[in-house]
């Protein structure tokens, strides 16, 4: 392959300066894997990526809750048979354990925003396997309250959704759902408390954007599912034809 200069491309001075500056930073602060902190050209080294535990069948066909691997009868779990799942399908790429937990914490809380790219690519790569021929028409990231987003500096769900959208050629809409209620952190709350915490937390700002469409909600971690379920219920009321959920990891 010809170098860019041989194709008539002359790098801008600013690009050259950025490249030199980036090289100097790499010499002063050699890049490390954000999971194991060993020197690595990748944000997640091969060894750590191989340690990510994928969520594999058997699991509930609707909500994705894992079944006992020794189970003879699979299909839909008891809660879904009773109609207690607000989603048409819920899936997660990995279990929220070990290296995956470390990567997500680095992404959300330790300022390694660039991790959205490899993590989002992992989600996008497994999307066809996990959702088959459901023909999702748009992707909606689960919103953060504006105050929380200002504190963090970004919404992790928006960044992950952007990569999934690129990978799977599905439009992403970040202005349809709004988090109108500032809720206390969900960590440490029971399932019932989480559901109550989410009551009235979301509003749909553009109902026409999702009316009669198959919508995919994207978030980083599924714990009890109360947050994504609250979003699904309000989207269904707004006229969405079907609402599915997809998270990077699940904590159960």
Protein backbone atom coordinates (compact mmCIF):
# COMPACT_ATOMS: atom_id res chain seq x y z
CA UNK A 1 0.00 0.00 0.00
CA UNK A 2 1.38 3.45 -0.98
CA UNK A 3 2.09 5.93 1.81
CA UNK A 4 -0.35 8.81 1.98
CA UNK A 5 2.30 11.20 0.64
CA UNK A 6 2.60 9.01 -2.48
CA UNK A 7 -1.13 9.38 -3.11
CA UNK A 8 -0.94 13.14 -3.33
CA UNK A 9 -1.94 13.66 0.31
CA UNK A 10 0.07 16.17 2.31
CA UNK A 11 -0.67 16.07 6.04
CA UNK A 12 -1.69 19.35 7.57
CA UNK A 13 0.79 20.90 9.92
CA UNK A 14 -1.59 20.49 12.84
CA UNK A 15 -1.86 16.74 12.15
CA UNK A 16 1.95 16.46 12.16
CA UNK A 17 2.17 18.40 15.41
CA UNK A 18 -0.52 16.21 16.98
CA UNK A 19 1.34 13.09 15.88
CA UNK A 20 4.63 14.29 17.34
CA UNK A 21 2.93 15.38 20.57
CA UNK A 22 1.13 12.03 20.81
CA UNK A 23 4.43 10.19 20.34
CA UNK A 24 6.08 12.23 23.09
CA UNK A 25 3.17 11.51 25.44
CA UNK A 26 3.49 7.78 24.69
CA UNK A 27 7.19 7.96 25.61
CA UNK A 28 6.47 9.80 28.85
CA UNK A 29 3.31 7.84 29.68
CA UNK A 30 3.41 4.48 27.85
CA UNK A 31 -0.12 3.25 27.02
CA UNK A 32 -1.54 0.61 29.32
CA UNK A 33 -4.43 -1.80 29.28
CA UNK A 34 -7.21 -0.23 31.33
CA UNK A 35 -8.07 -3.58 32.90
CA UNK A 36 -4.73 -5.04 34.04
CA UNK A 37 -2.59 -1.88 33.74
CA UNK A 38 0.11 -3.77 31.84
CA UNK A 39 1.82 -1.95 28.96
CA UNK A 40 -0.30 -2.40 25.84
CA UNK A 41 -0.96 -0.63 22.55
CA UNK A 42 -4.64 -1.41 23.07
CA UNK A 43 -6.94 0.04 25.70
CA UNK A 44 -8.00 -3.53 26.48
CA UNK A 45 -5.21 -6.06 25.93
CA UNK A 46 -5.82 -9.39 24.21
CA UNK A 47 -5.47 -11.36 27.45
CA UNK A 48 -8.06 -9.26 29.29
CA UNK A 49 -10.46 -9.24 26.34
CA UNK A 50 -10.28 -13.03 26.20
CA UNK A 51 -11.24 -13.07 29.88
CA UNK A 52 -14.52 -11.21 29.29
CA UNK A 53 -17.26 -13.73 30.04
CA UNK A 54 -19.93 -13.66 27.32
CA UNK A 55 -23.57 -14.24 28.17
CA UNK A 56 -24.43 -17.43 26.31
CA UNK A 57 -27.55 -19.66 26.15
CA UNK A 58 -29.44 -21.11 27.85
CA UNK A 59 -31.29 -17.99 28.90
CA UNK A 60 -34.88 -16.75 28.80
CA UNK A 61 -35.89 -16.03 25.23
CA UNK A 62 -37.53 -12.78 26.32
CA UNK A 63 -35.70 -11.14 29.24
CA UNK A 64 -32.37 -12.95 28.82
CA UNK A 65 -32.06 -14.10 32.44
CA UNK A 66 -29.63 -17.05 32.48
CA UNK A 67 -30.99 -20.54 33.13
CA UNK A 68 -29.17 -23.33 34.92
CA UNK A 69 -26.88 -24.87 32.24
CA UNK A 70 -28.20 -28.29 33.29
CA UNK A 71 -31.83 -27.28 32.71
CA UNK A 72 -33.70 -29.59 30.36
CA UNK A 73 -36.65 -27.28 29.67
CA UNK A 74 -35.80 -23.78 28.41
CA UNK A 75 -37.79 -21.05 26.70
CA UNK A 76 -39.46 -18.27 28.67
CA UNK A 77 -38.95 -17.73 32.40
CA UNK A 78 -41.79 -17.58 34.95
CA UNK A 79 -41.80 -13.77 35.24
CA UNK A 80 -42.05 -13.34 31.48
CA UNK A 81 -44.86 -15.92 31.27
CA UNK A 82 -46.75 -13.78 33.79
CA UNK A 83 -46.21 -10.72 31.61
CA UNK A 84 -43.90 -8.92 34.03
CA UNK A 85 -41.25 -8.02 31.42
CA UNK A 86 -41.73 -4.65 29.73
CA UNK A 87 -39.36 -5.54 26.89
CA UNK A 88 -39.88 -7.65 23.80
CA UNK A 89 -36.32 -8.92 24.20
CA UNK A 90 -33.46 -8.14 26.59
CA UNK A 91 -29.86 -9.11 25.91
CA UNK A 92 -26.40 -8.37 27.33
CA UNK A 93 -22.98 -8.99 25.83
CA UNK A 94 -21.04 -9.92 28.98
CA UNK A 95 -21.41 -10.68 32.66
CA UNK A 96 -20.47 -7.78 34.95
CA UNK A 97 -17.47 -9.58 36.44
CA UNK A 98 -13.69 -9.18 36.83
CA UNK A 99 -12.12 -7.56 33.74
CA UNK A 100 -15.47 -6.36 32.39
CA UNK A 101 -16.27 -4.61 35.69
CA UNK A 102 -12.81 -3.03 35.73
CA UNK A 103 -13.18 -1.78 32.14
CA UNK A 104 -16.62 -0.27 32.79
CA UNK A 105 -15.43 1.46 35.97
CA UNK A 106 -12.42 2.88 34.09
CA UNK A 107 -14.77 4.11 31.35
CA UNK A 108 -17.36 5.71 33.64
CA UNK A 109 -15.46 6.80 36.73
CA UNK A 110 -11.72 6.97 35.96
CA UNK A 111 -11.90 9.25 32.95
CA UNK A 112 -10.98 6.73 30.24
CA UNK A 113 -13.69 7.89 27.88
CA UNK A 114 -11.91 6.35 24.87
CA UNK A 115 -12.99 2.89 26.05
CA UNK A 116 -16.38 3.52 24.47
CA UNK A 117 -14.95 2.52 21.10
CA UNK A 118 -13.69 -1.04 21.85
CA UNK A 119 -16.60 -1.74 24.22
CA UNK A 120 -19.16 -0.48 21.70
CA UNK A 121 -17.54 -2.55 18.95
CA UNK A 122 -17.89 -5.66 21.11
CA UNK A 123 -21.60 -4.92 21.53
CA UNK A 124 -22.05 -4.21 17.83
CA UNK A 125 -20.21 -7.38 16.91
CA UNK A 126 -22.61 -9.58 18.88
CA UNK A 127 -25.77 -7.71 17.94
CA UNK A 128 -26.69 -9.95 14.95
CA UNK A 129 -26.22 -13.08 17.05
CA UNK A 130 -28.28 -11.82 19.99
CA UNK A 131 -31.11 -10.09 18.10
CA UNK A 132 -31.29 -12.12 14.90
CA UNK A 133 -33.85 -10.84 12.40
CA UNK A 134 -35.79 -8.46 14.66
CA UNK A 135 -35.09 -5.57 12.25
CA UNK A 136 -34.53 -2.80 14.80
CA UNK A 137 -35.35 0.57 13.24
CA UNK A 138 -33.69 2.96 15.69
CA UNK A 139 -31.44 2.98 18.75
CA UNK A 140 -32.15 5.06 21.84
CA UNK A 141 -29.51 5.43 24.57
CA UNK A 142 -30.88 5.45 28.10
CA UNK A 143 -30.55 9.10 29.18
CA UNK A 144 -28.79 10.48 32.24
CA UNK A 145 -30.27 13.37 34.17
CA UNK A 146 -28.62 16.61 32.92
CA UNK A 147 -27.08 17.17 36.34
CA UNK A 148 -25.52 13.69 36.36
CA UNK A 149 -24.27 14.11 32.81
CA UNK A 150 -22.62 17.43 33.70
CA UNK A 151 -20.89 15.79 36.66
CA UNK A 152 -19.57 12.91 34.54
CA UNK A 153 -18.95 14.92 31.41
CA UNK A 154 -20.69 12.44 29.10
CA UNK A 155 -23.41 9.81 28.91
CA UNK A 156 -21.83 6.38 28.53
CA UNK A 157 -24.98 4.97 26.89
CA UNK A 158 -24.85 7.63 24.13
CA UNK A 159 -21.24 6.75 23.32
CA UNK A 160 -21.88 3.00 23.25
CA UNK A 161 -25.02 3.47 21.16
CA UNK A 162 -23.12 5.58 18.61
CA UNK A 163 -20.70 2.72 17.92
CA UNK A 164 -23.45 0.09 17.73
CA UNK A 165 -25.29 2.32 15.29
CA UNK A 166 -22.20 2.67 13.11
CA UNK A 167 -21.45 -1.05 13.23
CA UNK A 168 -24.99 -2.21 12.48
CA UNK A 169 -26.13 0.68 10.26
CA UNK A 170 -29.04 1.63 12.53
CA UNK A 171 -29.88 5.31 13.22
CA UNK A 172 -29.27 6.54 16.77
CA UNK A 173 -31.57 9.15 18.34
CA UNK A 174 -30.38 10.77 21.55
CA UNK A 175 -33.10 13.41 21.80
CA UNK A 176 -36.22 11.25 22.10
CA UNK A 177 -35.97 10.17 25.74
CA UNK A 178 -35.36 12.66 28.55
CA UNK A 179 -34.58 11.97 32.18
CA UNK A 180 -36.76 14.50 33.94
CA UNK A 181 -36.30 13.29 37.52
CA UNK A 182 -33.00 13.30 39.41
CA UNK A 183 -32.94 9.91 41.12
CA UNK A 184 -30.70 8.61 43.85
CA UNK A 185 -28.08 6.04 42.76
CA UNK A 186 -29.56 2.57 42.28
CA UNK A 187 -26.66 0.81 44.01
CA UNK A 188 -27.77 -0.84 47.24
CA UNK A 189 -31.51 -0.54 46.56
CA UNK A 190 -33.85 -3.52 46.44
CA UNK A 191 -35.70 -4.34 43.23
CA UNK A 192 -38.89 -2.75 44.59
CA UNK A 193 -36.99 0.38 45.69
CA UNK A 194 -35.33 0.65 42.28
CA UNK A 195 -38.70 0.46 40.53
CA UNK A 196 -40.12 3.17 42.81
CA UNK A 197 -36.99 5.27 42.28
CA UNK A 198 -37.60 5.15 38.52
CA UNK A 199 -41.30 6.03 38.69
CA UNK A 200 -41.86 9.18 36.61
CA UNK A 201 -38.13 9.50 35.86
CA UNK A 202 -38.43 9.59 32.05
CA UNK A 203 -40.42 11.48 29.45
CA UNK A 204 -40.67 11.08 25.67
CA UNK A 205 -39.88 14.38 23.95
CA UNK A 206 -40.60 13.31 20.34
CA UNK A 207 -43.28 10.66 20.24
CA UNK A 208 -43.55 10.76 16.45
CA UNK A 209 -39.93 9.56 16.19
CA UNK A 210 -40.76 6.17 17.74
CA UNK A 211 -44.41 5.70 16.81
CA UNK A 212 -44.94 2.26 15.23
CA UNK A 213 -41.19 1.59 15.25
CA UNK A 214 -39.09 -1.23 16.69
CA UNK A 215 -36.80 0.48 19.16
CA UNK A 216 -33.57 -0.71 20.81
CA UNK A 217 -32.67 0.77 24.21
CA UNK A 218 -28.94 0.77 25.01
CA UNK A 219 -27.28 1.09 28.44
CA UNK A 220 -24.06 -0.04 30.08
CA UNK A 221 -25.08 -2.38 32.92
CA UNK A 222 -28.28 -4.30 33.68
CA UNK A 223 -28.85 -4.99 37.37
CA UNK A 224 -32.54 -5.46 38.18
CA UNK A 225 -33.67 -3.97 34.87
CA UNK A 226 -35.83 -1.29 36.52
CA UNK A 227 -34.24 1.62 34.62
CA UNK A 228 -34.52 0.12 31.16
CA UNK A 229 -38.01 -1.23 31.96
CA UNK A 230 -39.19 2.27 32.93
CA UNK A 231 -37.93 3.56 29.57
CA UNK A 232 -39.64 0.68 27.75
CA UNK A 233 -43.00 1.34 29.39
CA UNK A 234 -43.06 5.02 28.48
CA UNK A 235 -41.96 4.30 24.90
CA UNK A 236 -44.73 1.74 24.56
CA UNK A 237 -47.24 4.34 25.77
CA UNK A 238 -45.83 6.72 23.16
CA UNK A 239 -46.72 4.21 20.45
CA UNK A 240 -43.53 2.22 19.82
CA UNK A 241 -44.34 -1.05 18.03
CA UNK A 242 -41.77 -3.00 20.10
CA UNK A 243 -39.04 -2.11 22.56
CA UNK A 244 -35.91 -4.21 23.05
CA UNK A 245 -33.05 -3.73 25.49
CA UNK A 246 -29.31 -4.20 25.07
CA UNK A 247 -26.59 -3.65 27.66
CA UNK A 248 -22.86 -4.12 27.65
CA UNK A 249 -23.05 -6.25 30.81
CA UNK A 250 -25.52 -7.81 33.21
CA UNK A 251 -24.97 -8.07 36.95
CA UNK A 252 -26.88 -11.34 37.49
